[in-house]
PDB file of N, CA and C in Angstrom:
ATOM      1  N   MET A   1      89.144  98.119  14.388  1.00  0.00           N
ATOM      2  CA  MET A   1      88.060  97.590  15.196  1.00  0.00           C
ATOM      3  C   MET A   1      88.666  96.660  16.254  1.00  0.00           C
ATOM      4  N   HIS A   2      88.178  96.782  17.466  1.00  0.00           N
ATOM      5  CA  HIS A   2      88.688  95.985  18.573  1.00  0.00           C
ATOM      6  C   HIS A   2      87.759  94.815  18.861  1.00  0.00           C
ATOM      7  N   SER A   3      88.350  93.710  19.324  1.00  0.00           N
ATOM      8  CA  SER A   3      87.543  92.603  19.821  1.00  0.00           C
ATOM      9  C   SER A   3      86.961  93.017  21.165  1.00  0.00           C
ATOM     10  N   ILE A   4      86.009  92.251  21.662  1.00  0.00           N
ATOM     11  CA  ILE A   4      85.409  92.594  22.960  1.00  0.00           C
ATOM     12  C   ILE A   4      86.462  92.520  24.070  1.00  0.00           C
ATOM     13  N   GLY A   5      87.385  91.564  23.961  1.00  0.00           N
ATOM     14  CA  GLY A   5      88.455  91.462  24.951  1.00  0.00           C
ATOM     15  C   GLY A   5      89.356  92.682  24.949  1.00  0.00           C
ATOM     16  N   GLU A   6      89.713  93.150  23.769  1.00  0.00           N
ATOM     17  CA  GLU A   6      90.538  94.358  23.654  1.00  0.00           C
ATOM     18  C   GLU A   6      89.792  95.572  24.184  1.00  0.00           C
ATOM     19  N   THR A   7      88.503  95.640  23.896  1.00  0.00           N
ATOM     20  CA  THR A   7      87.679  96.755  24.381  1.00  0.00           C
ATOM     21  C   THR A   7      87.637  96.766  25.903  1.00  0.00           C
ATOM     22  N   LEU A   8      87.421  95.597  26.504  1.00  0.00           N
ATOM     23  CA  LEU A   8      87.419  95.504  27.970  1.00  0.00           C
ATOM     24  C   LEU A   8      88.763  95.951  28.540  1.00  0.00           C
ATOM     25  N   LYS A   9      89.828  95.518  27.907  1.00  0.00           N
ATOM     26  CA  LYS A   9      91.177  95.870  28.363  1.00  0.00           C
ATOM     27  C   LYS A   9      91.394  97.374  28.322  1.00  0.00           C
ATOM     28  N   ILE A  10      91.002  98.011  27.229  1.00  0.00           N
ATOM     29  CA  ILE A  10      91.165  99.454  27.082  1.00  0.00           C
ATOM     30  C   ILE A  10      90.388 100.200  28.162  1.00  0.00           C
ATOM     31  N   ILE A  11      89.121  99.838  28.354  1.00  0.00           N
ATOM     32  CA  ILE A  11      88.287 100.515  29.350  1.00  0.00           C
ATOM     33  C   ILE A  11      88.834 100.271  30.754  1.00  0.00           C
ATOM     34  N   ARG A  12      89.219  99.017  31.020  1.00  0.00           N
ATOM     35  CA  ARG A  12      89.738  98.671  32.346  1.00  0.00           C
ATOM     36  C   ARG A  12      90.990  99.477  32.666  1.00  0.00           C
ATOM     37  N   ARG A  13      91.889  99.592  31.698  1.00  0.00           N
ATOM     38  CA  ARG A  13      93.127 100.344  31.918  1.00  0.00           C
ATOM     39  C   ARG A  13      92.856 101.836  32.061  1.00  0.00           C
ATOM     40  N   GLU A  14      91.927 102.365  31.280  1.00  0.00           N
ATOM     41  CA  GLU A  14      91.564 103.789  31.389  1.00  0.00           C
ATOM     42  C   GLU A  14      91.077 104.112  32.796  1.00  0.00           C
ATOM     43  N   GLN A  15      90.381 103.154  33.400  1.00  0.00           N
ATOM     44  CA  GLN A  15      89.814 103.379  34.734  1.00  0.00           C
ATOM     45  C   GLN A  15      90.732 102.867  35.847  1.00  0.00           C
ATOM     46  N   ASN A  16      91.907 102.358  35.451  1.00  0.00           N
ATOM     47  CA  ASN A  16      92.900 101.888  36.410  1.00  0.00           C
ATOM     48  C   ASN A  16      92.337 100.811  37.348  1.00  0.00           C
ATOM     49  N   VAL A  17      91.630  99.845  36.768  1.00  0.00           N
ATOM     50  CA  VAL A  17      91.040  98.742  37.518  1.00  0.00           C
ATOM     51  C   VAL A  17      91.857  97.482  37.217  1.00  0.00           C
ATOM     52  N   SER A  18      92.218  96.743  38.256  1.00  0.00           N
ATOM     53  CA  SER A  18      92.982  95.513  38.048  1.00  0.00           C
ATOM     54  C   SER A  18      92.081  94.398  37.515  1.00  0.00           C
ATOM     55  N   GLN A  19      92.702  93.442  36.856  1.00  0.00           N
ATOM     56  CA  GLN A  19      91.944  92.284  36.375  1.00  0.00           C
ATOM     57  C   GLN A  19      91.292  91.553  37.543  1.00  0.00           C
ATOM     58  N   GLU A  20      92.037  91.404  38.638  1.00  0.00           N
ATOM     59  CA  GLU A  20      91.503  90.703  39.818  1.00  0.00           C
ATOM     60  C   GLU A  20      90.235  91.364  40.341  1.00  0.00           C
ATOM     61  N   LYS A  21      90.270  92.675  40.440  1.00  0.00           N
ATOM     62  CA  LYS A  21      89.114  93.401  40.969  1.00  0.00           C
ATOM     63  C   LYS A  21      87.925  93.314  40.013  1.00  0.00           C
ATOM     64  N   LEU A  22      88.181  93.453  38.722  1.00  0.00           N
ATOM     65  CA  LEU A  22      87.094  93.446  37.752  1.00  0.00           C
ATOM     66  C   LEU A  22      86.384  92.097  37.691  1.00  0.00           C
ATOM     67  N   CYS A  23      87.129  91.017  37.736  1.00  0.00           N
ATOM     68  CA  CYS A  23      86.504  89.699  37.544  1.00  0.00           C
ATOM     69  C   CYS A  23      86.111  89.013  38.851  1.00  0.00           C
ATOM     70  N   LEU A  24      86.342  89.656  39.986  1.00  0.00           N
ATOM     71  CA  LEU A  24      86.049  89.061  41.288  1.00  0.00           C
ATOM     72  C   LEU A  24      84.609  88.544  41.370  1.00  0.00           C
ATOM     73  N   GLY A  25      84.463  87.256  41.623  1.00  0.00           N
ATOM     74  CA  GLY A  25      83.147  86.645  41.769  1.00  0.00           C
ATOM     75  C   GLY A  25      82.470  86.280  40.457  1.00  0.00           C
ATOM     76  N   LEU A  26      83.113  86.610  39.345  1.00  0.00           N
ATOM     77  CA  LEU A  26      82.507  86.317  38.038  1.00  0.00           C
ATOM     78  C   LEU A  26      83.242  85.200  37.301  1.00  0.00           C
ATOM     79  N   CYS A  27      84.555  85.301  37.302  1.00  0.00           N
ATOM     80  CA  CYS A  27      85.382  84.302  36.632  1.00  0.00           C
ATOM     81  C   CYS A  27      86.776  84.399  37.233  1.00  0.00           C
ATOM     82  N   SER A  28      87.624  83.456  36.887  1.00  0.00           N
ATOM     83  CA  SER A  28      88.991  83.494  37.411  1.00  0.00           C
ATOM     84  C   SER A  28      89.785  84.573  36.678  1.00  0.00           C
ATOM     85  N   LYS A  29      90.857  85.034  37.299  1.00  0.00           N
ATOM     86  CA  LYS A  29      91.721  86.013  36.659  1.00  0.00           C
ATOM     87  C   LYS A  29      92.327  85.421  35.393  1.00  0.00           C
ATOM     88  N   THR A  30      92.650  84.137  35.434  1.00  0.00           N
ATOM     89  CA  THR A  30      93.217  83.465  34.261  1.00  0.00           C
ATOM     90  C   THR A  30      92.236  83.491  33.096  1.00  0.00           C
ATOM     91  N   ALA A  31      90.974  83.151  33.374  1.00  0.00           N
ATOM     92  CA  ALA A  31      89.955  83.174  32.320  1.00  0.00           C
ATOM     93  C   ALA A  31      89.800  84.585  31.771  1.00  0.00           C
ATOM     94  N   TYR A  32      89.739  85.576  32.658  1.00  0.00           N
ATOM     95  CA  TYR A  32      89.583  86.957  32.206  1.00  0.00           C
ATOM     96  C   TYR A  32      90.770  87.390  31.355  1.00  0.00           C
ATOM     97  N   SER A  33      91.959  87.038  31.781  1.00  0.00           N
ATOM     98  CA  SER A  33      93.161  87.376  31.031  1.00  0.00           C
ATOM     99  C   SER A  33      93.099  86.801  29.617  1.00  0.00           C
ATOM    100  N   ARG A  34      92.572  85.599  29.499  1.00  0.00           N
ATOM    101  CA  ARG A  34      92.433  84.972  28.181  1.00  0.00           C
ATOM    102  C   ARG A  34      91.426  85.712  27.302  1.00  0.00           C
ATOM    103  N   PHE A  35      90.420  86.321  27.919  1.00  0.00           N
ATOM    104  CA  PHE A  35      89.475  87.142  27.144  1.00  0.00           C
ATOM    105  C   PHE A  35      90.218  88.336  26.540  1.00  0.00           C
ATOM    106  N   GLU A  36      90.997  89.025  27.390  1.00  0.00           N
ATOM    107  CA  GLU A  36      91.726  90.199  26.921  1.00  0.00           C
ATOM    108  C   GLU A  36      92.744  89.847  25.841  1.00  0.00           C
ATOM    109  N   LEU A  37      93.344  88.673  25.946  1.00  0.00           N
ATOM    110  CA  LEU A  37      94.338  88.235  24.971  1.00  0.00           C
ATOM    111  C   LEU A  37      93.716  87.681  23.690  1.00  0.00           C
ATOM    112  N   GLY A  38      92.398  87.500  23.708  1.00  0.00           N
ATOM    113  CA  GLY A  38      91.711  86.964  22.538  1.00  0.00           C
ATOM    114  C   GLY A  38      91.788  85.449  22.424  1.00  0.00           C
ATOM    115  N   GLU A  39      92.205  84.792  23.493  1.00  0.00           N
ATOM    116  CA  GLU A  39      92.317  83.333  23.487  1.00  0.00           C
ATOM    117  C   GLU A  39      90.986  82.653  23.768  1.00  0.00           C
ATOM    118  N   ARG A  40      90.086  83.361  24.431  1.00  0.00           N
ATOM    119  CA  ARG A  40      88.750  82.851  24.723  1.00  0.00           C
ATOM    120  C   ARG A  40      87.748  83.961  24.475  1.00  0.00           C
ATOM    121  N   ILE A  41      86.515  83.561  24.269  1.00  0.00           N
ATOM    122  CA  ILE A  41      85.449  84.533  24.023  1.00  0.00           C
ATOM    123  C   ILE A  41      84.443  84.448  25.165  1.00  0.00           C
ATOM    124  N   PRO A  42      84.254  85.541  25.902  1.00  0.00           N
ATOM    125  CA  PRO A  42      83.283  85.520  27.002  1.00  0.00           C
ATOM    126  C   PRO A  42      81.861  85.512  26.469  1.00  0.00           C
ATOM    127  N   ASP A  43      80.944  84.929  27.237  1.00  0.00           N
ATOM    128  CA  ASP A  43      79.548  84.960  26.792  1.00  0.00           C
ATOM    129  C   ASP A  43      78.969  86.350  27.034  1.00  0.00           C
ATOM    130  N   ARG A  44      77.854  86.624  26.408  1.00  0.00           N
ATOM    131  CA  ARG A  44      77.260  87.959  26.420  1.00  0.00           C
ATOM    132  C   ARG A  44      76.896  88.420  27.837  1.00  0.00           C
ATOM    133  N   LEU A  45      76.378  87.534  28.675  1.00  0.00           N
ATOM    134  CA  LEU A  45      76.021  87.917  30.040  1.00  0.00           C
ATOM    135  C   LEU A  45      77.249  88.382  30.814  1.00  0.00           C
ATOM    136  N   LEU A  46      78.347  87.655  30.677  1.00  0.00           N
ATOM    137  CA  LEU A  46      79.578  88.037  31.363  1.00  0.00           C
ATOM    138  C   LEU A  46      80.089  89.376  30.837  1.00  0.00           C
ATOM    139  N   VAL A  47      80.063  89.562  29.537  1.00  0.00           N
ATOM    140  CA  VAL A  47      80.502  90.838  28.953  1.00  0.00           C
ATOM    141  C   VAL A  47      79.666  91.988  29.506  1.00  0.00           C
ATOM    142  N   ASN A  48      78.362  91.816  29.529  1.00  0.00           N
ATOM    143  CA  ASN A  48      77.480  92.872  30.044  1.00  0.00           C
ATOM    144  C   ASN A  48      77.792  93.187  31.499  1.00  0.00           C
ATOM    145  N   THR A  49      78.018  92.155  32.300  1.00  0.00           N
ATOM    146  CA  THR A  49      78.314  92.350  33.721  1.00  0.00           C
ATOM    147  C   THR A  49      79.656  93.066  33.901  1.00  0.00           C
ATOM    148  N   LEU A  50      80.662  92.653  33.145  1.00  0.00           N
ATOM    149  CA  LEU A  50      81.970  93.309  33.229  1.00  0.00           C
ATOM    150  C   LEU A  50      81.867  94.775  32.816  1.00  0.00           C
ATOM    151  N   LEU A  51      81.145  95.044  31.744  1.00  0.00           N
ATOM    152  CA  LEU A  51      80.967  96.428  31.304  1.00  0.00           C
ATOM    153  C   LEU A  51      80.229  97.263  32.344  1.00  0.00           C
ATOM    154  N   GLU A  52      79.222  96.674  32.982  1.00  0.00           N
ATOM    155  CA  GLU A  52      78.498  97.394  34.039  1.00  0.00           C
ATOM    156  C   GLU A  52      79.439  97.746  35.187  1.00  0.00           C
ATOM    157  N   ARG A  53      80.322  96.797  35.551  1.00  0.00           N
ATOM    158  CA  ARG A  53      81.288  97.072  36.622  1.00  0.00           C
ATOM    159  C   ARG A  53      82.227  98.214  36.236  1.00  0.00           C
ATOM    160  N   LEU A  54      82.446  98.373  34.954  1.00  0.00           N
ATOM    161  CA  LEU A  54      83.310  99.452  34.478  1.00  0.00           C
ATOM    162  C   LEU A  54      82.523 100.736  34.216  1.00  0.00           C
ATOM    163  N   GLY A  55      81.235 100.725  34.564  1.00  0.00           N
ATOM    164  CA  GLY A  55      80.416 101.915  34.427  1.00  0.00           C
ATOM    165  C   GLY A  55      79.913 102.172  33.016  1.00  0.00           C
ATOM    166  N   LYS A  56      79.920 101.146  32.192  1.00  0.00           N
ATOM    167  CA  LYS A  56      79.464 101.291  30.806  1.00  0.00           C
ATOM    168  C   LYS A  56      78.135 100.577  30.628  1.00  0.00           C
ATOM    169  N   ASP A  57      77.284 101.149  29.823  1.00  0.00           N
ATOM    170  CA  ASP A  57      75.989 100.553  29.511  1.00  0.00           C
ATOM    171  C   ASP A  57      76.138  99.752  28.228  1.00  0.00           C
ATOM    172  N   ALA A  58      76.103  98.432  28.357  1.00  0.00           N
ATOM    173  CA  ALA A  58      76.317  97.549  27.212  1.00  0.00           C
ATOM    174  C   ALA A  58      75.293  97.783  26.109  1.00  0.00           C
ATOM    175  N   SER A  59      74.103  98.207  26.469  1.00  0.00           N
ATOM    176  CA  SER A  59      73.069  98.425  25.451  1.00  0.00           C
ATOM    177  C   SER A  59      73.381  99.622  24.558  1.00  0.00           C
ATOM    178  N   LYS A  60      74.277 100.493  25.005  1.00  0.00           N
ATOM    179  CA  LYS A  60      74.626 101.669  24.213  1.00  0.00           C
ATOM    180  C   LYS A  60      75.867 101.449  23.352  1.00  0.00           C
ATOM    181  N   LEU A  61      76.468 100.284  23.490  1.00  0.00           N
ATOM    182  CA  LEU A  61      77.633  99.974  22.674  1.00  0.00           C
ATOM    183  C   LEU A  61      77.196  99.173  21.463  1.00  0.00           C
ATOM    184  N   SER A  62      77.720  99.525  20.338  1.00  0.00           N
ATOM    185  CA  SER A  62      77.445  98.700  19.160  1.00  0.00           C
ATOM    186  C   SER A  62      78.614  97.743  19.008  1.00  0.00           C
ATOM    187  N   THR A  63      78.308  96.510  18.732  1.00  0.00           N
ATOM    188  CA  THR A  63      79.361  95.516  18.589  1.00  0.00           C
ATOM    189  C   THR A  63      79.222  94.813  17.251  1.00  0.00           C
ATOM    190  N   VAL A  64      80.341  94.486  16.730  1.00  0.00           N
ATOM    191  CA  VAL A  64      80.404  93.695  15.525  1.00  0.00           C
ATOM    192  C   VAL A  64      81.240  92.477  15.869  1.00  0.00           C
ATOM    193  N   MET A  65      80.680  91.321  15.601  1.00  0.00           N
ATOM    194  CA  MET A  65      81.404  90.102  15.930  1.00  0.00           C
ATOM    195  C   MET A  65      82.469  89.810  14.896  1.00  0.00           C
ATOM    196  N   GLN A  66      83.603  89.365  15.392  1.00  0.00           N
ATOM    197  CA  GLN A  66      84.619  88.850  14.494  1.00  0.00           C
ATOM    198  C   GLN A  66      84.178  87.468  14.054  1.00  0.00           C
ATOM    199  N   SER A  67      84.744  86.980  12.980  1.00  0.00           N
ATOM    200  CA  SER A  67      84.321  85.680  12.450  1.00  0.00           C
ATOM    201  C   SER A  67      84.493  84.570  13.474  1.00  0.00           C
ATOM    202  N   GLU A  68      85.566  84.631  14.273  1.00  0.00           N
ATOM    203  CA  GLU A  68      85.778  83.599  15.301  1.00  0.00           C
ATOM    204  C   GLU A  68      84.674  83.635  16.349  1.00  0.00           C
ATOM    205  N   GLU A  69      84.273  84.861  16.729  1.00  0.00           N
ATOM    206  CA  GLU A  69      83.213  85.008  17.717  1.00  0.00           C
ATOM    207  C   GLU A  69      81.895  84.480  17.165  1.00  0.00           C
ATOM    208  N   TYR A  70      81.613  84.767  15.901  1.00  0.00           N
ATOM    209  CA  TYR A  70      80.374  84.308  15.287  1.00  0.00           C
ATOM    210  C   TYR A  70      80.368  82.788  15.167  1.00  0.00           C
ATOM    211  N   THR A  71      81.484  82.221  14.741  1.00  0.00           N
ATOM    212  CA  THR A  71      81.603  80.760  14.635  1.00  0.00           C
ATOM    213  C   THR A  71      81.377  80.108  15.987  1.00  0.00           C
ATOM    214  N   TYR A  72      81.975  80.690  17.023  1.00  0.00           N
ATOM    215  CA  TYR A  72      81.804  80.165  18.372  1.00  0.00           C
ATOM    216  C   TYR A  72      80.343  80.266  18.812  1.00  0.00           C
ATOM    217  N   LEU A  73      79.702  81.381  18.531  1.00  0.00           N
ATOM    218  CA  LEU A  73      78.301  81.570  18.899  1.00  0.00           C
ATOM    219  C   LEU A  73      77.418  80.518  18.234  1.00  0.00           C
ATOM    220  N   ILE A  74      77.630  80.284  16.952  1.00  0.00           N
ATOM    221  CA  ILE A  74      76.846  79.287  16.222  1.00  0.00           C
ATOM    222  C   ILE A  74      77.110  77.896  16.791  1.00  0.00           C
ATOM    223  N   TRP A  75      78.373  77.570  17.042  1.00  0.00           N
ATOM    224  CA  TRP A  75      78.717  76.263  17.627  1.00  0.00           C
ATOM    225  C   TRP A  75      78.057  76.093  18.991  1.00  0.00           C
ATOM    226  N   ARG A  76      78.149  77.115  19.822  1.00  0.00           N
ATOM    227  CA  ARG A  76      77.582  77.036  21.171  1.00  0.00           C
ATOM    228  C   ARG A  76      76.066  76.851  21.120  1.00  0.00           C
ATOM    229  N   ARG A  77      75.413  77.573  20.217  1.00  0.00           N
ATOM    230  CA  ARG A  77      73.962  77.454  20.073  1.00  0.00           C
ATOM    231  C   ARG A  77      73.575  76.044  19.624  1.00  0.00           C
ATOM    232  N   SER A  78      74.293  75.494  18.649  1.00  0.00           N
ATOM    233  CA  SER A  78      73.958  74.151  18.164  1.00  0.00           C
ATOM    234  C   SER A  78      74.263  73.096  19.217  1.00  0.00           C
ATOM    235  N   ALA A  79      75.330  73.273  19.979  1.00  0.00           N
ATOM    236  CA  ALA A  79      75.649  72.327  21.053  1.00  0.00           C
ATOM    237  C   ALA A  79      74.577  72.376  22.140  1.00  0.00           C
ATOM    238  N   SER A  80      74.114  73.558  22.440  1.00  0.00           N
ATOM    239  CA  SER A  80      73.066  73.728  23.447  1.00  0.00           C
ATOM    240  C   SER A  80      71.762  73.077  22.989  1.00  0.00           C
ATOM    241  N   GLN A  81      71.427  73.266  21.725  1.00  0.00           N
ATOM    242  CA  GLN A  81      70.209  72.659  21.182  1.00  0.00           C
ATOM    243  C   GLN A  81      70.316  71.140  21.162  1.00  0.00           C
ATOM    244  N   ALA A  82      71.494  70.618  20.813  1.00  0.00           N
ATOM    245  CA  ALA A  82      71.703  69.160  20.791  1.00  0.00           C
ATOM    246  C   ALA A  82      71.587  68.587  22.199  1.00  0.00           C
ATOM    247  N   ALA A  83      72.131  69.280  23.181  1.00  0.00           N
ATOM    248  CA  ALA A  83      72.044  68.821  24.563  1.00  0.00           C
ATOM    249  C   ALA A  83      70.598  68.834  25.050  1.00  0.00           C
ATOM    250  N   ALA A  84      69.859  69.877  24.698  1.00  0.00           N
ATOM    251  CA  ALA A  84      68.452  69.966  25.100  1.00  0.00           C
ATOM    252  C   ALA A  84      67.642  68.852  24.449  1.00  0.00           C
ATOM    253  N   LYS A  85      67.926  68.578  23.189  1.00  0.00           N
ATOM    254  CA  LYS A  85      67.218  67.515  22.475  1.00  0.00           C
ATOM    255  C   LYS A  85      67.517  66.160  23.100  1.00  0.00           C
ATOM    256  N   ARG A  86      68.776  65.926  23.428  1.00  0.00           N
ATOM    257  CA  ARG A  86      69.164  64.660  24.065  1.00  0.00           C
ATOM    258  C   ARG A  86      68.489  64.507  25.423  1.00  0.00           C
ATOM    259  N   THR A  87      68.435  65.582  26.188  1.00  0.00           N
ATOM    260  CA  THR A  87      67.782  65.554  27.492  1.00  0.00           C
ATOM    261  C   THR A  87      66.301  65.230  27.337  1.00  0.00           C
ATOM    262  N   LEU A  88      65.660  65.855  26.359  1.00  0.00           N
ATOM    263  CA  LEU A  88      64.242  65.607  26.112  1.00  0.00           C
ATOM    264  C   LEU A  88      64.009  64.154  25.711  1.00  0.00           C
ATOM    265  N   LEU A  89      64.849  63.616  24.847  1.00  0.00           N
ATOM    266  CA  LEU A  89      64.707  62.211  24.438  1.00  0.00           C
ATOM    267  C   LEU A  89      64.904  61.269  25.618  1.00  0.00           C
ATOM    268  N   ASN A  90      65.882  61.553  26.466  1.00  0.00           N
ATOM    269  CA  ASN A  90      66.107  60.733  27.653  1.00  0.00           C
ATOM    270  C   ASN A  90      64.928  60.816  28.610  1.00  0.00           C
ATOM    271  N   TRP A  91      64.345  61.997  28.720  1.00  0.00           N
ATOM    272  CA  TRP A  91      63.212  62.187  29.620  1.00  0.00           C
ATOM    273  C   TRP A  91      62.014  61.413  29.105  1.00  0.00           C
ATOM    274  N   LYS A  92      61.780  61.424  27.791  1.00  0.00           N
ATOM    275  CA  LYS A  92      60.647  60.703  27.204  1.00  0.00           C
ATOM    276  C   LYS A  92      60.782  59.195  27.346  1.00  0.00           C
ATOM    277  N   GLN A  93      62.007  58.697  27.395  1.00  0.00           N
ATOM    278  CA  GLN A  93      62.238  57.261  27.520  1.00  0.00           C
ATOM    279  C   GLN A  93      61.986  56.760  28.937  1.00  0.00           C
ATOM    280  N   CYS A  94      61.963  57.657  29.899  1.00  0.00           N
ATOM    281  CA  CYS A  94      61.754  57.251  31.297  1.00  0.00           C
ATOM    282  C   CYS A  94      60.331  56.863  31.581  1.00  0.00           C
TER     283      CYS A  94
END
């Protein structure tokens, strides 16, 4: 089973698309390279956009998250909720 970064790399290479061209206007080449290397996990919107650029329909791909990806997703969701709660509390105090 491949990570999403490995999957992007395989598809990108099959289509002979450079990292620079694929990520143009979306993220830096360095950030994209880290996705392919498994050093960072792209968010779902970015993954969908990259797949669309490669001519793939993200809704037709089945994905299974690796434990690191799931842990990151849970952390990101809780951080987002904490930030929203803090913003709401600050707004109510005004």
